[in-house]
Amino acid sequence: MVIPVENVLVTGATSYLGINLIRRLTEDDRTVHVLTRPSSDLTRFSGIDPVPSVHQIEPGADSLYHAVMAVRPAATYHIAGYYVSDHKAEDVDRLVESNIRFGTVLLEALAQAGGGDVVNLGSYTQNYDSPNYRPLNLYAATKQAFADVLAYYTDVGAVRAVTLKLFHTYGPGDWRGKLLPAIRDAQRQGRALPLVAEDETAFDLVYVEDVVDAMIHAA
């Protein structure tokens, strides 16, 4: 698939979805830049050729502004976020920092750099058992808060944006210990895997390459 942009920026680049997206973008001859934190595991880029250009973000806004101004991306894929299903008091600062503040500073930097297209990842947890906004947890509430911030930057013409709300993803090489790898490992080891009763949980899965297709199409 050929996409009509050259210089692209990816947040959450060392996540499972980020790695799969970057691999596809490089195969399509895009020039890929990534924002990382000092704690990011850059060894996950080892199977990607060429390796994306890494811009390490330090605490505070200055390094993020400088990175975005240097890249001036035509498209930004905003994957970064922090998830906990049931938060504790010590999780609140990180949820707000990762899911609201970081994205807001990113949007302001993009606006200063000339805008561009933003593909933002939301979550089905923003619509718990409802077509309307109903947050499943505090994570979902912070994702919705950022969506509201994004709506402002879109409305004033600073960026063009779309949000894709994802269900659980799966695919090859998944290191996250999610359901399908757990089923695979239990089968290989010949052990039972405890699960909730079938009628208690609705569970949707999306193949990772289909998500990548959707993100590229959205851009």
N, C-alpha and C. Protein backbone atom coordinates (compact mmCIF):
# COMPACT_ATOMS: atom_id res chain seq x y z
N MET A 1 0.84 -1.19 0.00
CA MET A 1 0.00 0.00 0.00
C MET A 1 0.88 1.25 0.00
N VAL A 2 0.61 2.17 -0.92
CA VAL A 2 1.38 3.41 -0.99
C VAL A 2 0.58 4.51 -0.30
N ILE A 3 1.21 5.26 0.58
CA ILE A 3 0.52 6.33 1.28
C ILE A 3 1.10 7.67 0.84
N PRO A 4 0.25 8.72 0.80
CA PRO A 4 0.66 9.99 0.19
C PRO A 4 1.39 10.91 1.15
N VAL A 5 2.30 10.38 1.96
CA VAL A 5 3.11 11.23 2.83
C VAL A 5 4.53 10.71 2.83
N GLU A 6 5.48 11.56 3.16
CA GLU A 6 6.88 11.18 3.17
C GLU A 6 7.43 11.10 4.59
N ASN A 7 7.51 12.25 5.24
CA ASN A 7 8.08 12.33 6.58
C ASN A 7 7.00 12.04 7.61
N VAL A 8 7.16 10.96 8.38
CA VAL A 8 6.13 10.61 9.35
C VAL A 8 6.75 10.50 10.73
N LEU A 9 5.92 10.73 11.74
CA LEU A 9 6.33 10.68 13.14
C LEU A 9 5.46 9.68 13.87
N VAL A 10 6.07 8.85 14.71
CA VAL A 10 5.34 7.83 15.46
C VAL A 10 5.65 7.97 16.95
N THR A 11 4.61 8.06 17.77
CA THR A 11 4.77 7.95 19.21
C THR A 11 4.38 6.53 19.62
N GLY A 12 4.82 6.11 20.79
CA GLY A 12 4.55 4.73 21.18
C GLY A 12 5.23 3.74 20.25
N ALA A 13 6.40 4.12 19.76
CA ALA A 13 7.04 3.39 18.68
C ALA A 13 7.55 2.01 19.09
N THR A 14 7.87 1.81 20.36
CA THR A 14 8.39 0.51 20.79
C THR A 14 7.29 -0.41 21.30
N SER A 15 6.04 0.00 21.17
CA SER A 15 4.92 -0.88 21.50
C SER A 15 4.76 -1.93 20.40
N TYR A 16 3.95 -2.94 20.68
CA TYR A 16 3.73 -3.99 19.68
C TYR A 16 3.13 -3.41 18.41
N LEU A 17 2.12 -2.58 18.54
CA LEU A 17 1.52 -1.96 17.37
C LEU A 17 2.49 -1.00 16.70
N GLY A 18 3.24 -0.23 17.50
CA GLY A 18 4.21 0.71 16.93
C GLY A 18 5.24 0.02 16.07
N ILE A 19 5.79 -1.10 16.53
CA ILE A 19 6.79 -1.83 15.76
C ILE A 19 6.21 -2.31 14.44
N ASN A 20 5.00 -2.85 14.47
CA ASN A 20 4.38 -3.34 13.25
C ASN A 20 4.07 -2.21 12.27
N LEU A 21 3.64 -1.06 12.79
CA LEU A 21 3.38 0.09 11.93
C LEU A 21 4.67 0.59 11.29
N ILE A 22 5.72 0.73 12.09
CA ILE A 22 6.99 1.24 11.56
C ILE A 22 7.55 0.31 10.50
N ARG A 23 7.46 -0.98 10.74
CA ARG A 23 7.95 -1.93 9.74
C ARG A 23 7.25 -1.73 8.40
N ARG A 24 5.93 -1.54 8.43
CA ARG A 24 5.19 -1.33 7.18
C ARG A 24 5.54 0.01 6.54
N LEU A 25 5.68 1.05 7.34
CA LEU A 25 6.01 2.36 6.80
C LEU A 25 7.37 2.35 6.12
N THR A 26 8.35 1.67 6.71
CA THR A 26 9.67 1.61 6.09
C THR A 26 9.63 0.78 4.81
N GLU A 27 8.80 -0.25 4.80
CA GLU A 27 8.65 -1.04 3.57
C GLU A 27 8.05 -0.21 2.46
N ASP A 28 7.23 0.78 2.82
CA ASP A 28 6.63 1.68 1.85
C ASP A 28 7.50 2.90 1.55
N ASP A 29 8.76 2.83 2.00
CA ASP A 29 9.75 3.88 1.72
C ASP A 29 9.39 5.22 2.34
N ARG A 30 8.72 5.18 3.49
CA ARG A 30 8.49 6.42 4.23
C ARG A 30 9.73 6.72 5.08
N THR A 31 9.98 7.98 5.34
CA THR A 31 11.04 8.38 6.27
C THR A 31 10.42 8.47 7.66
N VAL A 32 10.79 7.54 8.52
CA VAL A 32 10.11 7.38 9.81
C VAL A 32 10.96 7.97 10.94
N HIS A 33 10.34 8.83 11.73
CA HIS A 33 10.94 9.38 12.94
C HIS A 33 10.10 8.91 14.13
N VAL A 34 10.75 8.65 15.24
CA VAL A 34 10.03 8.18 16.43
C VAL A 34 10.43 9.01 17.63
N LEU A 35 9.46 9.20 18.53
CA LEU A 35 9.71 9.83 19.81
C LEU A 35 9.81 8.74 20.86
N THR A 36 10.89 8.74 21.63
CA THR A 36 11.08 7.72 22.66
C THR A 36 11.45 8.39 23.98
N ARG A 37 11.32 7.62 25.05
CA ARG A 37 11.75 8.06 26.37
C ARG A 37 13.07 7.36 26.71
N PRO A 38 13.81 7.86 27.68
CA PRO A 38 15.08 7.20 28.05
C PRO A 38 14.90 5.74 28.42
N SER A 39 13.73 5.36 28.90
CA SER A 39 13.50 3.98 29.31
C SER A 39 13.03 3.07 28.17
N SER A 40 12.83 3.62 26.97
CA SER A 40 12.33 2.82 25.85
C SER A 40 13.31 1.74 25.43
N ASP A 41 12.80 0.58 25.06
CA ASP A 41 13.63 -0.55 24.62
C ASP A 41 13.89 -0.44 23.12
N LEU A 42 14.99 0.18 22.76
CA LEU A 42 15.31 0.41 21.35
C LEU A 42 15.75 -0.85 20.63
N THR A 43 16.03 -1.93 21.35
CA THR A 43 16.40 -3.19 20.69
C THR A 43 15.24 -3.73 19.86
N ARG A 44 14.04 -3.27 20.12
CA ARG A 44 12.89 -3.74 19.35
C ARG A 44 12.92 -3.26 17.90
N PHE A 45 13.78 -2.28 17.60
CA PHE A 45 13.94 -1.83 16.22
C PHE A 45 14.92 -2.70 15.43
N SER A 46 15.52 -3.70 16.07
CA SER A 46 16.62 -4.43 15.44
C SER A 46 16.21 -5.17 14.17
N GLY A 47 14.93 -5.55 14.05
CA GLY A 47 14.50 -6.26 12.85
C GLY A 47 13.99 -5.35 11.76
N ILE A 48 14.12 -4.03 11.93
CA ILE A 48 13.59 -3.08 10.96
C ILE A 48 14.74 -2.45 10.20
N ASP A 49 14.61 -2.40 8.88
CA ASP A 49 15.66 -1.83 8.03
C ASP A 49 15.00 -0.94 6.97
N PRO A 50 15.33 0.35 6.97
CA PRO A 50 16.27 1.02 7.87
C PRO A 50 15.65 1.31 9.23
N VAL A 51 16.50 1.41 10.24
CA VAL A 51 16.04 1.75 11.58
C VAL A 51 15.51 3.18 11.57
N PRO A 52 14.37 3.44 12.23
CA PRO A 52 13.84 4.81 12.23
C PRO A 52 14.76 5.78 12.96
N SER A 53 14.62 7.06 12.63
CA SER A 53 15.37 8.10 13.32
C SER A 53 14.76 8.32 14.71
N VAL A 54 15.58 8.19 15.73
CA VAL A 54 15.11 8.24 17.11
C VAL A 54 15.33 9.63 17.69
N HIS A 55 14.28 10.18 18.29
CA HIS A 55 14.35 11.46 18.99
C HIS A 55 13.96 11.20 20.44
N GLN A 56 14.93 11.23 21.33
CA GLN A 56 14.67 10.93 22.74
C GLN A 56 14.10 12.16 23.44
N ILE A 57 12.98 11.96 24.10
CA ILE A 57 12.28 13.05 24.77
C ILE A 57 12.60 13.03 26.26
N GLU A 58 13.07 14.14 26.76
CA GLU A 58 13.35 14.28 28.18
C GLU A 58 12.15 14.92 28.87
N PRO A 59 12.07 14.87 30.20
CA PRO A 59 10.98 15.54 30.91
C PRO A 59 10.90 17.02 30.55
N GLY A 60 9.68 17.52 30.51
CA GLY A 60 9.48 18.90 30.09
C GLY A 60 9.12 18.96 28.62
N ALA A 61 8.75 20.13 28.16
CA ALA A 61 8.24 20.28 26.80
C ALA A 61 9.31 20.59 25.76
N ASP A 62 10.46 21.14 26.17
CA ASP A 62 11.42 21.67 25.22
C ASP A 62 11.92 20.63 24.23
N SER A 63 12.30 19.45 24.71
CA SER A 63 12.88 18.46 23.80
C SER A 63 11.83 17.96 22.81
N LEU A 64 10.57 17.88 23.23
CA LEU A 64 9.52 17.46 22.31
C LEU A 64 9.30 18.52 21.23
N TYR A 65 9.26 19.78 21.63
CA TYR A 65 9.13 20.87 20.66
C TYR A 65 10.27 20.83 19.64
N HIS A 66 11.49 20.68 20.12
CA HIS A 66 12.64 20.68 19.23
C HIS A 66 12.58 19.51 18.24
N ALA A 67 12.16 18.35 18.73
CA ALA A 67 12.07 17.17 17.85
C ALA A 67 11.03 17.39 16.76
N VAL A 68 9.85 17.87 17.14
CA VAL A 68 8.78 18.07 16.16
C VAL A 68 9.15 19.15 15.16
N MET A 69 9.78 20.23 15.62
CA MET A 69 10.19 21.29 14.70
C MET A 69 11.25 20.80 13.73
N ALA A 70 12.10 19.88 14.18
CA ALA A 70 13.13 19.34 13.29
C ALA A 70 12.54 18.41 12.25
N VAL A 71 11.54 17.63 12.65
CA VAL A 71 10.94 16.64 11.73
C VAL A 71 9.91 17.29 10.81
N ARG A 72 9.04 18.13 11.35
CA ARG A 72 7.92 18.73 10.62
C ARG A 72 7.18 17.65 9.82
N PRO A 73 6.57 16.70 10.52
CA PRO A 73 5.99 15.54 9.82
C PRO A 73 4.74 15.89 9.03
N ALA A 74 4.58 15.21 7.92
CA ALA A 74 3.33 15.33 7.16
C ALA A 74 2.22 14.55 7.85
N ALA A 75 2.60 13.46 8.53
CA ALA A 75 1.61 12.67 9.27
C ALA A 75 2.22 12.22 10.59
N THR A 76 1.40 12.23 11.62
CA THR A 76 1.82 11.77 12.95
C THR A 76 0.88 10.66 13.40
N TYR A 77 1.47 9.55 13.80
CA TYR A 77 0.68 8.43 14.35
C TYR A 77 0.88 8.43 15.86
N HIS A 78 -0.19 8.77 16.58
CA HIS A 78 -0.09 8.91 18.04
C HIS A 78 -0.61 7.64 18.71
N ILE A 79 0.34 6.75 19.06
CA ILE A 79 0.01 5.47 19.69
C ILE A 79 0.29 5.51 21.19
N ALA A 80 1.21 6.35 21.61
CA ALA A 80 1.69 6.34 23.00
C ALA A 80 0.55 6.51 23.99
N GLY A 81 0.66 5.79 25.10
CA GLY A 81 -0.32 5.91 26.17
C GLY A 81 0.05 4.99 27.31
N TYR A 82 -0.62 5.17 28.42
CA TYR A 82 -0.39 4.34 29.59
C TYR A 82 -1.71 3.72 30.01
N TYR A 83 -1.72 2.39 30.17
CA TYR A 83 -2.96 1.68 30.49
C TYR A 83 -2.86 0.94 31.80
N VAL A 84 -3.86 1.11 32.62
CA VAL A 84 -4.12 0.23 33.77
C VAL A 84 -5.62 0.01 33.80
N SER A 85 -6.04 -1.23 34.05
CA SER A 85 -7.47 -1.52 34.05
C SER A 85 -8.15 -0.97 35.30
N ASP A 86 -7.52 -1.15 36.44
CA ASP A 86 -8.04 -0.63 37.71
C ASP A 86 -6.92 0.16 38.38
N HIS A 87 -7.04 1.48 38.33
CA HIS A 87 -5.94 2.32 38.78
C HIS A 87 -5.86 2.38 40.29
N LYS A 88 -4.67 2.68 40.77
CA LYS A 88 -4.42 3.01 42.16
C LYS A 88 -4.04 4.49 42.22
N ALA A 89 -3.98 5.04 43.42
CA ALA A 89 -3.68 6.46 43.56
C ALA A 89 -2.35 6.83 42.91
N GLU A 90 -1.37 5.94 43.00
CA GLU A 90 -0.06 6.24 42.43
C GLU A 90 -0.04 6.20 40.90
N ASP A 91 -1.12 5.73 40.28
CA ASP A 91 -1.18 5.68 38.81
C ASP A 91 -1.69 6.99 38.21
N VAL A 92 -2.31 7.84 39.01
CA VAL A 92 -3.02 8.99 38.46
C VAL A 92 -2.08 9.93 37.72
N ASP A 93 -0.95 10.28 38.32
CA ASP A 93 -0.03 11.21 37.66
C ASP A 93 0.43 10.68 36.31
N ARG A 94 0.76 9.39 36.25
CA ARG A 94 1.24 8.84 34.99
C ARG A 94 0.13 8.77 33.95
N LEU A 95 -1.08 8.45 34.35
CA LEU A 95 -2.20 8.43 33.41
C LEU A 95 -2.42 9.81 32.79
N VAL A 96 -2.39 10.84 33.64
CA VAL A 96 -2.60 12.20 33.13
C VAL A 96 -1.42 12.64 32.27
N GLU A 97 -0.19 12.36 32.71
CA GLU A 97 0.99 12.75 31.96
C GLU A 97 1.04 12.06 30.60
N SER A 98 0.85 10.76 30.58
CA SER A 98 1.02 9.99 29.35
C SER A 98 -0.15 10.16 28.39
N ASN A 99 -1.37 10.23 28.91
CA ASN A 99 -2.55 10.19 28.06
C ASN A 99 -3.15 11.55 27.74
N ILE A 100 -2.79 12.57 28.51
CA ILE A 100 -3.33 13.91 28.24
C ILE A 100 -2.23 14.92 27.97
N ARG A 101 -1.34 15.12 28.94
CA ARG A 101 -0.35 16.18 28.81
C ARG A 101 0.59 15.96 27.64
N PHE A 102 1.16 14.75 27.52
CA PHE A 102 2.11 14.49 26.45
C PHE A 102 1.48 14.76 25.08
N GLY A 103 0.27 14.26 24.87
CA GLY A 103 -0.39 14.47 23.59
C GLY A 103 -0.72 15.92 23.32
N THR A 104 -1.07 16.66 24.38
CA THR A 104 -1.39 18.08 24.21
C THR A 104 -0.16 18.87 23.80
N VAL A 105 0.97 18.61 24.45
CA VAL A 105 2.22 19.28 24.06
C VAL A 105 2.59 18.90 22.63
N LEU A 106 2.38 17.65 22.27
CA LEU A 106 2.66 17.20 20.90
C LEU A 106 1.81 17.99 19.90
N LEU A 107 0.53 18.15 20.18
CA LEU A 107 -0.35 18.88 19.26
C LEU A 107 0.06 20.34 19.14
N GLU A 108 0.43 20.96 20.25
CA GLU A 108 0.89 22.35 20.19
C GLU A 108 2.16 22.46 19.37
N ALA A 109 3.06 21.51 19.54
CA ALA A 109 4.29 21.51 18.75
C ALA A 109 3.99 21.33 17.27
N LEU A 110 3.06 20.42 16.95
CA LEU A 110 2.68 20.22 15.55
C LEU A 110 2.05 21.48 14.97
N ALA A 111 1.22 22.15 15.76
CA ALA A 111 0.62 23.40 15.29
C ALA A 111 1.68 24.43 14.97
N GLN A 112 2.69 24.54 15.84
CA GLN A 112 3.78 25.49 15.61
C GLN A 112 4.63 25.10 14.40
N ALA A 113 4.69 23.78 14.12
CA ALA A 113 5.52 23.28 13.02
C ALA A 113 4.78 23.24 11.68
N GLY A 114 3.53 23.66 11.67
CA GLY A 114 2.79 23.69 10.41
C GLY A 114 1.66 22.71 10.30
N GLY A 115 1.38 21.97 11.38
CA GLY A 115 0.22 21.09 11.39
C GLY A 115 0.48 19.71 10.81
N GLY A 116 -0.33 19.32 9.84
CA GLY A 116 -0.24 17.99 9.26
C GLY A 116 -1.38 17.11 9.72
N ASP A 117 -1.31 15.84 9.36
CA ASP A 117 -2.36 14.88 9.68
C ASP A 117 -1.99 14.12 10.95
N VAL A 118 -2.98 13.87 11.79
CA VAL A 118 -2.79 13.12 13.02
C VAL A 118 -3.73 11.93 13.03
N VAL A 119 -3.17 10.75 13.20
CA VAL A 119 -3.97 9.55 13.42
C VAL A 119 -3.81 9.18 14.89
N ASN A 120 -4.88 9.35 15.63
CA ASN A 120 -4.86 9.13 17.08
C ASN A 120 -5.54 7.80 17.40
N LEU A 121 -4.97 7.05 18.33
CA LEU A 121 -5.58 5.80 18.74
C LEU A 121 -6.39 5.99 20.01
N GLY A 122 -7.66 5.69 19.92
CA GLY A 122 -8.53 5.65 21.08
C GLY A 122 -8.77 4.21 21.49
N SER A 123 -9.79 4.00 22.30
CA SER A 123 -10.04 2.67 22.85
C SER A 123 -11.53 2.41 22.98
N TYR A 124 -11.92 1.15 22.79
CA TYR A 124 -13.31 0.75 23.00
C TYR A 124 -13.75 1.03 24.44
N THR A 125 -12.79 1.14 25.36
CA THR A 125 -13.14 1.38 26.76
C THR A 125 -13.76 2.76 26.97
N GLN A 126 -13.69 3.64 25.97
CA GLN A 126 -14.35 4.94 26.06
C GLN A 126 -15.86 4.81 25.89
N ASN A 127 -16.31 3.69 25.40
CA ASN A 127 -17.74 3.46 25.13
C ASN A 127 -18.17 2.15 25.76
N TYR A 128 -17.98 2.02 27.05
CA TYR A 128 -18.29 0.78 27.75
C TYR A 128 -19.78 0.47 27.69
N ASP A 129 -20.13 -0.61 26.96
CA ASP A 129 -21.51 -1.10 26.88
C ASP A 129 -22.48 -0.01 26.44
N SER A 130 -21.98 0.91 25.59
CA SER A 130 -22.83 2.03 25.17
C SER A 130 -22.28 2.63 23.89
N PRO A 131 -23.15 3.08 22.95
CA PRO A 131 -22.66 3.80 21.77
C PRO A 131 -22.17 5.21 22.10
N ASN A 132 -22.55 5.71 23.25
CA ASN A 132 -22.14 7.04 23.69
C ASN A 132 -20.97 6.91 24.67
N TYR A 133 -20.35 8.06 24.95
CA TYR A 133 -19.22 8.05 25.86
C TYR A 133 -19.63 7.56 27.24
N ARG A 134 -18.96 6.49 27.66
CA ARG A 134 -19.14 5.96 29.01
C ARG A 134 -17.85 5.25 29.39
N PRO A 135 -16.98 5.90 30.15
CA PRO A 135 -15.65 5.34 30.40
C PRO A 135 -15.69 4.11 31.28
N LEU A 136 -15.01 3.08 30.85
CA LEU A 136 -14.90 1.86 31.63
C LEU A 136 -14.04 2.06 32.87
N ASN A 137 -13.01 2.93 32.74
CA ASN A 137 -12.07 3.13 33.83
C ASN A 137 -11.42 4.51 33.66
N LEU A 138 -10.50 4.84 34.55
CA LEU A 138 -9.85 6.16 34.47
C LEU A 138 -9.01 6.27 33.21
N TYR A 139 -8.39 5.18 32.78
CA TYR A 139 -7.66 5.19 31.51
C TYR A 139 -8.56 5.70 30.39
N ALA A 140 -9.78 5.14 30.30
CA ALA A 140 -10.71 5.56 29.26
C ALA A 140 -11.07 7.03 29.37
N ALA A 141 -11.22 7.50 30.59
CA ALA A 141 -11.54 8.92 30.81
C ALA A 141 -10.42 9.83 30.33
N THR A 142 -9.17 9.42 30.57
CA THR A 142 -8.05 10.24 30.10
C THR A 142 -7.93 10.20 28.58
N LYS A 143 -8.25 9.06 27.96
CA LYS A 143 -8.25 8.99 26.50
C LYS A 143 -9.32 9.92 25.92
N GLN A 144 -10.47 9.97 26.56
CA GLN A 144 -11.52 10.87 26.10
C GLN A 144 -11.12 12.33 26.30
N ALA A 145 -10.46 12.61 27.41
CA ALA A 145 -10.01 13.98 27.66
C ALA A 145 -9.07 14.44 26.55
N PHE A 146 -8.15 13.55 26.14
CA PHE A 146 -7.26 13.94 25.05
C PHE A 146 -8.04 14.10 23.74
N ALA A 147 -9.03 13.26 23.50
CA ALA A 147 -9.85 13.41 22.29
C ALA A 147 -10.51 14.78 22.25
N ASP A 148 -10.92 15.29 23.40
CA ASP A 148 -11.51 16.62 23.47
C ASP A 148 -10.47 17.70 23.16
N VAL A 149 -9.25 17.52 23.65
CA VAL A 149 -8.17 18.45 23.31
C VAL A 149 -7.90 18.41 21.81
N LEU A 150 -7.87 17.21 21.25
CA LEU A 150 -7.63 17.05 19.82
C LEU A 150 -8.73 17.74 19.01
N ALA A 151 -9.96 17.67 19.49
CA ALA A 151 -11.07 18.33 18.80
C ALA A 151 -10.85 19.83 18.71
N TYR A 152 -10.28 20.42 19.76
CA TYR A 152 -9.97 21.86 19.72
C TYR A 152 -8.95 22.17 18.63
N TYR A 153 -7.83 21.44 18.61
CA TYR A 153 -6.79 21.71 17.62
C TYR A 153 -7.28 21.45 16.20
N THR A 154 -8.20 20.51 16.04
CA THR A 154 -8.78 20.26 14.73
C THR A 154 -9.72 21.41 14.34
N ASP A 155 -10.52 21.86 15.29
CA ASP A 155 -11.52 22.89 15.00
C ASP A 155 -10.88 24.21 14.61
N VAL A 156 -9.73 24.53 15.20
CA VAL A 156 -9.08 25.80 14.85
C VAL A 156 -8.17 25.64 13.63
N GLY A 157 -8.13 24.46 13.04
CA GLY A 157 -7.37 24.25 11.82
C GLY A 157 -5.89 24.02 12.03
N ALA A 158 -5.48 23.72 13.26
CA ALA A 158 -4.05 23.50 13.52
C ALA A 158 -3.57 22.17 12.96
N VAL A 159 -4.43 21.15 13.01
CA VAL A 159 -4.12 19.84 12.45
C VAL A 159 -5.39 19.28 11.82
N ARG A 160 -5.21 18.25 11.02
CA ARG A 160 -6.33 17.43 10.57
C ARG A 160 -6.18 16.09 11.28
N ALA A 161 -7.28 15.56 11.79
CA ALA A 161 -7.12 14.39 12.66
C ALA A 161 -8.28 13.42 12.54
N VAL A 162 -7.98 12.18 12.85
CA VAL A 162 -9.00 11.14 12.98
C VAL A 162 -8.59 10.25 14.15
N THR A 163 -9.57 9.77 14.91
CA THR A 163 -9.30 8.85 16.01
C THR A 163 -9.87 7.48 15.67
N LEU A 164 -9.05 6.47 15.79
CA LEU A 164 -9.48 5.08 15.60
C LEU A 164 -9.59 4.43 16.97
N LYS A 165 -10.77 3.91 17.29
CA LYS A 165 -10.98 3.25 18.58
C LYS A 165 -10.76 1.75 18.42
N LEU A 166 -9.78 1.23 19.14
CA LEU A 166 -9.36 -0.15 18.96
C LEU A 166 -9.92 -1.08 20.02
N PHE A 167 -10.13 -2.32 19.59
CA PHE A 167 -10.33 -3.43 20.51
C PHE A 167 -8.97 -4.11 20.71
N HIS A 168 -8.98 -5.27 21.32
CA HIS A 168 -7.73 -5.98 21.57
C HIS A 168 -7.10 -6.40 20.24
N THR A 169 -5.78 -6.26 20.14
CA THR A 169 -5.06 -6.65 18.94
C THR A 169 -4.30 -7.95 19.18
N TYR A 170 -4.03 -8.65 18.10
CA TYR A 170 -3.24 -9.87 18.17
C TYR A 170 -2.46 -10.03 16.88
N GLY A 171 -1.45 -10.90 16.90
CA GLY A 171 -0.66 -11.15 15.70
C GLY A 171 0.63 -11.86 16.04
N PRO A 172 1.46 -12.14 15.04
CA PRO A 172 2.71 -12.86 15.27
C PRO A 172 3.71 -12.04 16.06
N GLY A 173 4.54 -12.74 16.84
CA GLY A 173 5.60 -12.06 17.59
C GLY A 173 5.12 -11.22 18.73
N ASP A 174 3.91 -11.46 19.23
CA ASP A 174 3.35 -10.63 20.30
C ASP A 174 3.96 -11.04 21.64
N TRP A 175 4.64 -10.12 22.29
CA TRP A 175 5.33 -10.41 23.55
C TRP A 175 4.50 -9.98 24.77
N ARG A 176 3.29 -9.51 24.59
CA ARG A 176 2.55 -8.85 25.67
C ARG A 176 1.82 -9.81 26.62
N GLY A 177 1.81 -11.09 26.34
CA GLY A 177 1.12 -12.02 27.22
C GLY A 177 -0.39 -11.89 27.19
N LYS A 178 -0.95 -11.51 26.04
CA LYS A 178 -2.40 -11.36 25.92
C LYS A 178 -3.05 -12.73 25.71
N LEU A 179 -4.35 -12.74 25.40
CA LEU A 179 -5.12 -13.98 25.41
C LEU A 179 -4.62 -15.01 24.41
N LEU A 180 -4.44 -14.64 23.15
CA LEU A 180 -4.07 -15.64 22.15
C LEU A 180 -2.69 -16.24 22.41
N PRO A 181 -1.66 -15.44 22.73
CA PRO A 181 -0.39 -16.06 23.12
C PRO A 181 -0.52 -16.95 24.36
N ALA A 182 -1.38 -16.56 25.30
CA ALA A 182 -1.58 -17.38 26.50
C ALA A 182 -2.22 -18.72 26.14
N ILE A 183 -3.20 -18.70 25.21
CA ILE A 183 -3.80 -19.95 24.74
C ILE A 183 -2.77 -20.82 24.04
N ARG A 184 -1.95 -20.20 23.20
CA ARG A 184 -0.90 -20.94 22.49
C ARG A 184 0.07 -21.60 23.47
N ASP A 185 0.53 -20.82 24.45
CA ASP A 185 1.51 -21.35 25.40
C ASP A 185 0.91 -22.46 26.26
N ALA A 186 -0.37 -22.30 26.65
CA ALA A 186 -1.02 -23.34 27.44
C ALA A 186 -1.16 -24.63 26.64
N GLN A 187 -1.47 -24.49 25.36
CA GLN A 187 -1.60 -25.68 24.52
C GLN A 187 -0.26 -26.39 24.36
N ARG A 188 0.79 -25.62 24.15
CA ARG A 188 2.12 -26.20 23.98
C ARG A 188 2.60 -26.91 25.25
N GLN A 189 2.21 -26.35 26.38
CA GLN A 189 2.65 -26.90 27.66
C GLN A 189 1.69 -27.94 28.22
N GLY A 190 0.56 -28.17 27.55
CA GLY A 190 -0.39 -29.17 27.99
C GLY A 190 -1.05 -28.85 29.32
N ARG A 191 -1.32 -27.57 29.57
CA ARG A 191 -1.94 -27.20 30.84
C ARG A 191 -3.24 -26.45 30.60
N ALA A 192 -4.08 -26.48 31.59
CA ALA A 192 -5.35 -25.77 31.50
C ALA A 192 -5.13 -24.27 31.65
N LEU A 193 -5.95 -23.49 30.97
CA LEU A 193 -5.87 -22.04 31.07
C LEU A 193 -7.17 -21.53 31.69
N PRO A 194 -7.13 -21.00 32.89
CA PRO A 194 -8.37 -20.52 33.53
C PRO A 194 -8.92 -19.30 32.81
N LEU A 195 -10.19 -19.37 32.45
CA LEU A 195 -10.86 -18.26 31.78
C LEU A 195 -12.20 -18.02 32.44
N VAL A 196 -12.75 -16.84 32.24
CA VAL A 196 -14.08 -16.54 32.76
C VAL A 196 -15.11 -17.29 31.93
N ALA A 197 -16.31 -17.41 32.47
CA ALA A 197 -17.38 -18.10 31.75
C ALA A 197 -17.71 -17.38 30.45
N GLU A 198 -18.05 -18.16 29.44
CA GLU A 198 -18.26 -17.62 28.09
C GLU A 198 -19.30 -16.52 28.06
N ASP A 199 -20.36 -16.64 28.87
CA ASP A 199 -21.45 -15.68 28.80
C ASP A 199 -21.22 -14.44 29.64
N GLU A 200 -20.04 -14.32 30.26
CA GLU A 200 -19.78 -13.17 31.12
C GLU A 200 -18.99 -12.06 30.45
N THR A 201 -18.34 -12.35 29.33
CA THR A 201 -17.43 -11.37 28.74
C THR A 201 -17.59 -11.32 27.23
N ALA A 202 -17.76 -10.12 26.71
CA ALA A 202 -17.70 -9.91 25.26
C ALA A 202 -16.27 -9.52 24.92
N PHE A 203 -15.70 -10.20 23.95
CA PHE A 203 -14.28 -10.01 23.65
C PHE A 203 -14.08 -9.92 22.16
N ASP A 204 -13.60 -8.77 21.69
CA ASP A 204 -13.35 -8.57 20.26
C ASP A 204 -11.86 -8.50 20.00
N LEU A 205 -11.45 -9.07 18.89
CA LEU A 205 -10.04 -9.11 18.50
C LEU A 205 -9.87 -8.51 17.11
N VAL A 206 -8.78 -7.77 16.93
CA VAL A 206 -8.45 -7.20 15.62
C VAL A 206 -7.01 -7.59 15.29
N TYR A 207 -6.81 -8.15 14.10
CA TYR A 207 -5.48 -8.57 13.68
C TYR A 207 -4.60 -7.34 13.47
N VAL A 208 -3.36 -7.40 13.93
CA VAL A 208 -2.49 -6.23 13.97
C VAL A 208 -2.28 -5.63 12.58
N GLU A 209 -2.16 -6.46 11.55
CA GLU A 209 -1.94 -5.93 10.21
C GLU A 209 -3.18 -5.19 9.70
N ASP A 210 -4.37 -5.58 10.16
CA ASP A 210 -5.57 -4.84 9.79
C ASP A 210 -5.58 -3.47 10.45
N VAL A 211 -5.08 -3.39 11.68
CA VAL A 211 -4.96 -2.09 12.35
C VAL A 211 -3.97 -1.20 11.60
N VAL A 212 -2.83 -1.78 11.22
CA VAL A 212 -1.84 -1.01 10.46
C VAL A 212 -2.46 -0.50 9.15
N ASP A 213 -3.19 -1.37 8.45
CA ASP A 213 -3.86 -0.95 7.22
C ASP A 213 -4.79 0.25 7.48
N ALA A 214 -5.55 0.16 8.57
CA ALA A 214 -6.50 1.22 8.89
C ALA A 214 -5.78 2.53 9.20
N MET A 215 -4.68 2.46 9.94
CA MET A 215 -3.94 3.67 10.29
C MET A 215 -3.35 4.34 9.07
N ILE A 216 -2.77 3.53 8.20
CA ILE A 216 -2.18 4.09 6.97
C ILE A 216 -3.27 4.68 6.08
N HIS A 217 -4.37 3.98 5.95
CA HIS A 217 -5.49 4.50 5.16
C HIS A 217 -6.01 5.80 5.74
N ALA A 218 -6.12 5.87 7.07
CA ALA A 218 -6.61 7.09 7.71
C ALA A 218 -5.69 8.28 7.41
N ALA A 219 -4.37 8.04 7.43
CA ALA A 219 -3.43 9.12 7.12
C ALA A 219 -3.55 9.59 5.68
